[in-house]
Amino acid sequence: MIEAKLKETKDSSPKDDDLVCYCFKYTRADIENDWRENGRSLIYRRISAARKSGGCNCAAVNPKGI
């Protein structure tokens, strides 16, 4: 039982190419690189601006519906 849980946790750990934003196709690596290069997340600002203007469709695009 514990071994199965450990395997599940290991397999579901985030990877650099995992999509974080399905609407704009940003990956975990994109966001980490953005943070390193700019000292803050400009990607987050872009996503926030798009959401405010109705350019976000996460509920339909994200396979988890989030």
PDB file of N, CA and C in Angstrom:
ATOM      1  N   MET A   1       0.821  -1.186   0.000  1.00  0.00           N
ATOM      2  CA  MET A   1       0.000   0.000   0.000  1.00  0.00           C
ATOM      3  C   MET A   1       0.870   1.256   0.000  1.00  0.00           C
ATOM      4  N   ILE A   2       1.851   1.328   0.875  1.00  0.00           N
ATOM      5  CA  ILE A   2       2.733   2.489   0.961  1.00  0.00           C
ATOM      6  C   ILE A   2       3.558   2.603  -0.316  1.00  0.00           C
ATOM      7  N   GLU A   3       4.033   1.472  -0.840  1.00  0.00           N
ATOM      8  CA  GLU A   3       4.827   1.495  -2.070  1.00  0.00           C
ATOM      9  C   GLU A   3       4.015   2.046  -3.233  1.00  0.00           C
ATOM     10  N   ALA A   4       2.761   1.678  -3.327  1.00  0.00           N
ATOM     11  CA  ALA A   4       1.899   2.177  -4.400  1.00  0.00           C
ATOM     12  C   ALA A   4       1.710   3.687  -4.275  1.00  0.00           C
ATOM     13  N   LYS A   5       1.538   4.163  -3.056  1.00  0.00           N
ATOM     14  CA  LYS A   5       1.364   5.598  -2.823  1.00  0.00           C
ATOM     15  C   LYS A   5       2.639   6.357  -3.197  1.00  0.00           C
ATOM     16  N   LEU A   6       3.806   5.820  -2.857  1.00  0.00           N
ATOM     17  CA  LEU A   6       5.075   6.456  -3.202  1.00  0.00           C
ATOM     18  C   LEU A   6       5.252   6.523  -4.714  1.00  0.00           C
ATOM     19  N   LYS A   7       4.911   5.428  -5.401  1.00  0.00           N
ATOM     20  CA  LYS A   7       5.022   5.405  -6.855  1.00  0.00           C
ATOM     21  C   LYS A   7       4.087   6.437  -7.460  1.00  0.00           C
ATOM     22  N   GLU A   8       2.867   6.529  -6.955  1.00  0.00           N
ATOM     23  CA  GLU A   8       1.896   7.496  -7.461  1.00  0.00           C
ATOM     24  C   GLU A   8       2.416   8.923  -7.266  1.00  0.00           C
ATOM     25  N   THR A   9       2.991   9.204  -6.122  1.00  0.00           N
ATOM     26  CA  THR A   9       3.533  10.528  -5.843  1.00  0.00           C
ATOM     27  C   THR A   9       4.708  10.832  -6.756  1.00  0.00           C
ATOM     28  N   LYS A  10       5.590   9.859  -6.950  1.00  0.00           N
ATOM     29  CA  LYS A  10       6.755  10.049  -7.803  1.00  0.00           C
ATOM     30  C   LYS A  10       6.315  10.290  -9.248  1.00  0.00           C
ATOM     31  N   ASP A  11       5.361   9.509  -9.735  1.00  0.00           N
ATOM     32  CA  ASP A  11       4.906   9.627 -11.118  1.00  0.00           C
ATOM     33  C   ASP A  11       4.163  10.936 -11.365  1.00  0.00           C
ATOM     34  N   SER A  12       3.529  11.497 -10.344  1.00  0.00           N
ATOM     35  CA  SER A  12       2.729  12.699 -10.544  1.00  0.00           C
ATOM     36  C   SER A  12       3.480  13.975 -10.181  1.00  0.00           C
ATOM     37  N   SER A  13       4.776  13.856  -9.874  1.00  0.00           N
ATOM     38  CA  SER A  13       5.533  15.053  -9.536  1.00  0.00           C
ATOM     39  C   SER A  13       5.679  15.930 -10.784  1.00  0.00           C
ATOM     40  N   PRO A  14       5.698  17.250 -10.595  1.00  0.00           N
ATOM     41  CA  PRO A  14       5.762  18.155 -11.743  1.00  0.00           C
ATOM     42  C   PRO A  14       7.033  17.987 -12.558  1.00  0.00           C
ATOM     43  N   LYS A  15       6.888  18.128 -13.851  1.00  0.00           N
ATOM     44  CA  LYS A  15       8.019  18.055 -14.777  1.00  0.00           C
ATOM     45  C   LYS A  15       8.122  19.402 -15.501  1.00  0.00           C
ATOM     46  N   ASP A  16       9.303  19.711 -16.013  1.00  0.00           N
ATOM     47  CA  ASP A  16       9.517  20.996 -16.671  1.00  0.00           C
ATOM     48  C   ASP A  16       8.594  21.230 -17.861  1.00  0.00           C
ATOM     49  N   ASP A  17       8.240  20.162 -18.576  1.00  0.00           N
ATOM     50  CA  ASP A  17       7.402  20.344 -19.758  1.00  0.00           C
ATOM     51  C   ASP A  17       5.906  20.217 -19.472  1.00  0.00           C
ATOM     52  N   ASP A  18       5.541  20.104 -18.192  1.00  0.00           N
ATOM     53  CA  ASP A  18       4.125  20.070 -17.820  1.00  0.00           C
ATOM     54  C   ASP A  18       3.487  21.423 -18.115  1.00  0.00           C
ATOM     55  N   LEU A  19       2.339  21.406 -18.769  1.00  0.00           N
ATOM     56  CA  LEU A  19       1.629  22.657 -19.014  1.00  0.00           C
ATOM     57  C   LEU A  19       1.049  23.171 -17.706  1.00  0.00           C
ATOM     58  N   VAL A  20       1.261  24.444 -17.459  1.00  0.00           N
ATOM     59  CA  VAL A  20       0.700  25.099 -16.290  1.00  0.00           C
ATOM     60  C   VAL A  20      -0.505  25.925 -16.734  1.00  0.00           C
ATOM     61  N   CYS A  21      -0.380  26.533 -17.897  1.00  0.00           N
ATOM     62  CA  CYS A  21      -1.462  27.335 -18.462  1.00  0.00           C
ATOM     63  C   CYS A  21      -1.849  26.725 -19.805  1.00  0.00           C
ATOM     64  N   TYR A  22      -3.010  26.108 -19.851  1.00  0.00           N
ATOM     65  CA  TYR A  22      -3.450  25.437 -21.068  1.00  0.00           C
ATOM     66  C   TYR A  22      -3.916  26.427 -22.131  1.00  0.00           C
ATOM     67  N   CYS A  23      -4.416  27.576 -21.722  1.00  0.00           N
ATOM     68  CA  CYS A  23      -4.879  28.581 -22.693  1.00  0.00           C
ATOM     69  C   CYS A  23      -3.724  29.139 -23.514  1.00  0.00           C
ATOM     70  N   PHE A  24      -2.608  29.425 -22.844  1.00  0.00           N
ATOM     71  CA  PHE A  24      -1.488  30.085 -23.501  1.00  0.00           C
ATOM     72  C   PHE A  24      -0.268  29.184 -23.657  1.00  0.00           C
ATOM     73  N   LYS A  25      -0.417  27.923 -23.284  1.00  0.00           N
ATOM     74  CA  LYS A  25       0.611  26.889 -23.469  1.00  0.00           C
ATOM     75  C   LYS A  25       1.913  27.167 -22.718  1.00  0.00           C
ATOM     76  N   TYR A  26       1.840  27.780 -21.548  1.00  0.00           N
ATOM     77  CA  TYR A  26       3.032  28.005 -20.735  1.00  0.00           C
ATOM     78  C   TYR A  26       3.327  26.753 -19.922  1.00  0.00           C
ATOM     79  N   THR A  27       4.598  26.372 -19.900  1.00  0.00           N
ATOM     80  CA  THR A  27       5.019  25.212 -19.120  1.00  0.00           C
ATOM     81  C   THR A  27       5.643  25.667 -17.805  1.00  0.00           C
ATOM     82  N   ARG A  28       5.874  24.708 -16.955  1.00  0.00           N
ATOM     83  CA  ARG A  28       6.562  24.978 -15.691  1.00  0.00           C
ATOM     84  C   ARG A  28       7.926  25.621 -15.955  1.00  0.00           C
ATOM     85  N   ALA A  29       8.650  25.105 -16.939  1.00  0.00           N
ATOM     86  CA  ALA A  29       9.972  25.636 -17.286  1.00  0.00           C
ATOM     87  C   ALA A  29       9.871  27.076 -17.793  1.00  0.00           C
ATOM     88  N   ASP A  30       8.842  27.386 -18.589  1.00  0.00           N
ATOM     89  CA  ASP A  30       8.651  28.754 -19.075  1.00  0.00           C
ATOM     90  C   ASP A  30       8.529  29.729 -17.914  1.00  0.00           C
ATOM     91  N   ILE A  31       7.732  29.367 -16.940  1.00  0.00           N
ATOM     92  CA  ILE A  31       7.488  30.246 -15.794  1.00  0.00           C
ATOM     93  C   ILE A  31       8.743  30.377 -14.942  1.00  0.00           C
ATOM     94  N   GLU A  32       9.445  29.274 -14.723  1.00  0.00           N
ATOM     95  CA  GLU A  32      10.685  29.344 -13.942  1.00  0.00           C
ATOM     96  C   GLU A  32      11.737  30.195 -14.655  1.00  0.00           C
ATOM     97  N   ASN A  33      11.872  30.045 -15.968  1.00  0.00           N
ATOM     98  CA  ASN A  33      12.822  30.850 -16.739  1.00  0.00           C
ATOM     99  C   ASN A  33      12.430  32.328 -16.722  1.00  0.00           C
ATOM    100  N   ASP A  34      11.148  32.597 -16.849  1.00  0.00           N
ATOM    101  CA  ASP A  34      10.645  33.967 -16.800  1.00  0.00           C
ATOM    102  C   ASP A  34      11.010  34.619 -15.469  1.00  0.00           C
ATOM    103  N   TRP A  35      10.841  33.884 -14.404  1.00  0.00           N
ATOM    104  CA  TRP A  35      11.157  34.393 -13.067  1.00  0.00           C
ATOM    105  C   TRP A  35      12.670  34.667 -12.943  1.00  0.00           C
ATOM    106  N   ARG A  36      13.473  33.733 -13.406  1.00  0.00           N
ATOM    107  CA  ARG A  36      14.937  33.918 -13.326  1.00  0.00           C
ATOM    108  C   ARG A  36      15.401  35.115 -14.160  1.00  0.00           C
ATOM    109  N   GLU A  37      14.856  35.259 -15.353  1.00  0.00           N
ATOM    110  CA  GLU A  37      15.290  36.321 -16.257  1.00  0.00           C
ATOM    111  C   GLU A  37      14.816  37.708 -15.815  1.00  0.00           C
ATOM    112  N   ASN A  38      13.633  37.780 -15.190  1.00  0.00           N
ATOM    113  CA  ASN A  38      13.028  39.073 -14.891  1.00  0.00           C
ATOM    114  C   ASN A  38      12.932  39.395 -13.405  1.00  0.00           C
ATOM    115  N   GLY A  39      13.211  38.414 -12.548  1.00  0.00           N
ATOM    116  CA  GLY A  39      13.089  38.636 -11.113  1.00  0.00           C
ATOM    117  C   GLY A  39      11.646  38.696 -10.647  1.00  0.00           C
ATOM    118  N   ARG A  40      10.742  38.399 -11.546  1.00  0.00           N
ATOM    119  CA  ARG A  40       9.303  38.343 -11.261  1.00  0.00           C
ATOM    120  C   ARG A  40       8.641  37.632 -12.437  1.00  0.00           C
ATOM    121  N   SER A  41       7.378  37.365 -12.333  1.00  0.00           N
ATOM    122  CA  SER A  41       6.705  36.633 -13.409  1.00  0.00           C
ATOM    123  C   SER A  41       5.944  37.583 -14.325  1.00  0.00           C
ATOM    124  N   LEU A  42       6.517  37.835 -15.487  1.00  0.00           N
ATOM    125  CA  LEU A  42       5.805  38.610 -16.497  1.00  0.00           C
ATOM    126  C   LEU A  42       4.725  37.759 -17.156  1.00  0.00           C
ATOM    127  N   ILE A  43       4.936  36.455 -17.179  1.00  0.00           N
ATOM    128  CA  ILE A  43       3.924  35.539 -17.716  1.00  0.00           C
ATOM    129  C   ILE A  43       2.646  35.653 -16.903  1.00  0.00           C
ATOM    130  N   TYR A  44       2.765  35.698 -15.592  1.00  0.00           N
ATOM    131  CA  TYR A  44       1.577  35.837 -14.747  1.00  0.00           C
ATOM    132  C   TYR A  44       0.826  37.115 -15.094  1.00  0.00           C
ATOM    133  N   ARG A  45       1.558  38.180 -15.321  1.00  0.00           N
ATOM    134  CA  ARG A  45       0.910  39.454 -15.691  1.00  0.00           C
ATOM    135  C   ARG A  45       0.180  39.332 -17.023  1.00  0.00           C
ATOM    136  N   ARG A  46       0.787  38.649 -17.985  1.00  0.00           N
ATOM    137  CA  ARG A  46       0.134  38.453 -19.289  1.00  0.00           C
ATOM    138  C   ARG A  46      -1.146  37.643 -19.139  1.00  0.00           C
ATOM    139  N   ILE A  47      -1.069  36.582 -18.359  1.00  0.00           N
ATOM    140  CA  ILE A  47      -2.254  35.743 -18.144  1.00  0.00           C
ATOM    141  C   ILE A  47      -3.346  36.543 -17.440  1.00  0.00           C
ATOM    142  N   SER A  48      -2.976  37.294 -16.421  1.00  0.00           N
ATOM    143  CA  SER A  48      -3.954  38.107 -15.682  1.00  0.00           C
ATOM    144  C   SER A  48      -4.633  39.120 -16.586  1.00  0.00           C
ATOM    145  N   ALA A  49      -3.851  39.786 -17.424  1.00  0.00           N
ATOM    146  CA  ALA A  49      -4.416  40.769 -18.353  1.00  0.00           C
ATOM    147  C   ALA A  49      -5.373  40.098 -19.338  1.00  0.00           C
ATOM    148  N   ALA A  50      -4.991  38.940 -19.839  1.00  0.00           N
ATOM    149  CA  ALA A  50      -5.849  38.213 -20.783  1.00  0.00           C
ATOM    150  C   ALA A  50      -7.142  37.772 -20.115  1.00  0.00           C
ATOM    151  N   ARG A  51      -7.055  37.337 -18.878  1.00  0.00           N
ATOM    152  CA  ARG A  51      -8.262  36.908 -18.153  1.00  0.00           C
ATOM    153  C   ARG A  51      -9.209  38.078 -17.961  1.00  0.00           C
ATOM    154  N   LYS A  52      -8.667  39.245 -17.630  1.00  0.00           N
ATOM    155  CA  LYS A  52      -9.511  40.426 -17.418  1.00  0.00           C
ATOM    156  C   LYS A  52     -10.216  40.843 -18.708  1.00  0.00           C
ATOM    157  N   SER A  53      -9.568  40.609 -19.841  1.00  0.00           N
ATOM    158  CA  SER A  53     -10.171  41.000 -21.113  1.00  0.00           C
ATOM    159  C   SER A  53     -10.967  39.863 -21.764  1.00  0.00           C
ATOM    160  N   GLY A  54     -11.140  38.762 -21.043  1.00  0.00           N
ATOM    161  CA  GLY A  54     -11.931  37.643 -21.555  1.00  0.00           C
ATOM    162  C   GLY A  54     -11.157  36.681 -22.440  1.00  0.00           C
ATOM    163  N   GLY A  55      -9.821  36.756 -22.422  1.00  0.00           N
ATOM    164  CA  GLY A  55      -9.008  35.910 -23.283  1.00  0.00           C
ATOM    165  C   GLY A  55      -8.601  34.591 -22.661  1.00  0.00           C
ATOM    166  N   CYS A  56      -9.206  34.212 -21.571  1.00  0.00           N
ATOM    167  CA  CYS A  56      -8.866  32.962 -20.890  1.00  0.00           C
ATOM    168  C   CYS A  56     -10.023  31.985 -21.043  1.00  0.00           C
ATOM    169  N   ASN A  57      -9.687  30.743 -21.362  1.00  0.00           N
ATOM    170  CA  ASN A  57     -10.715  29.727 -21.549  1.00  0.00           C
ATOM    171  C   ASN A  57     -10.324  28.442 -20.820  1.00  0.00           C
ATOM    172  N   CYS A  58      -9.760  28.607 -19.614  1.00  0.00           N
ATOM    173  CA  CYS A  58      -9.253  27.453 -18.862  1.00  0.00           C
ATOM    174  C   CYS A  58     -10.294  26.371 -18.621  1.00  0.00           C
ATOM    175  N   ALA A  59     -11.502  26.758 -18.325  1.00  0.00           N
ATOM    176  CA  ALA A  59     -12.529  25.764 -18.015  1.00  0.00           C
ATOM    177  C   ALA A  59     -12.751  24.805 -19.165  1.00  0.00           C
ATOM    178  N   ALA A  60     -12.601  25.279 -20.397  1.00  0.00           N
ATOM    179  CA  ALA A  60     -12.833  24.424 -21.558  1.00  0.00           C
ATOM    180  C   ALA A  60     -11.544  23.738 -22.044  1.00  0.00           C
ATOM    181  N   VAL A  61     -10.406  24.394 -21.875  1.00  0.00           N
ATOM    182  CA  VAL A  61      -9.152  23.898 -22.438  1.00  0.00           C
ATOM    183  C   VAL A  61      -8.405  22.967 -21.494  1.00  0.00           C
ATOM    184  N   ASN A  62      -8.427  23.257 -20.210  1.00  0.00           N
ATOM    185  CA  ASN A  62      -7.717  22.436 -19.231  1.00  0.00           C
ATOM    186  C   ASN A  62      -8.431  21.098 -19.076  1.00  0.00           C
ATOM    187  N   PRO A  63      -7.713  19.997 -19.225  1.00  0.00           N
ATOM    188  CA  PRO A  63      -8.362  18.685 -19.109  1.00  0.00           C
ATOM    189  C   PRO A  63      -8.982  18.424 -17.738  1.00  0.00           C
ATOM    190  N   LYS A  64      -8.500  19.125 -16.714  1.00  0.00           N
ATOM    191  CA  LYS A  64      -9.083  18.972 -15.378  1.00  0.00           C
ATOM    192  C   LYS A  64     -10.232  19.939 -15.154  1.00  0.00           C
ATOM    193  N   GLY A  65     -10.469  20.847 -16.090  1.00  0.00           N
ATOM    194  CA  GLY A  65     -11.569  21.783 -15.974  1.00  0.00           C
ATOM    195  C   GLY A  65     -11.323  22.890 -14.974  1.00  0.00           C
ATOM    196  N   ILE A  66     -10.060  23.168 -14.691  1.00  0.00           N
ATOM    197  CA  ILE A  66      -9.723  24.190 -13.691  1.00  0.00           C
ATOM    198  C   ILE A  66      -9.284  25.444 -14.399  1.00  0.00           C
TER     199      ILE A  66
END
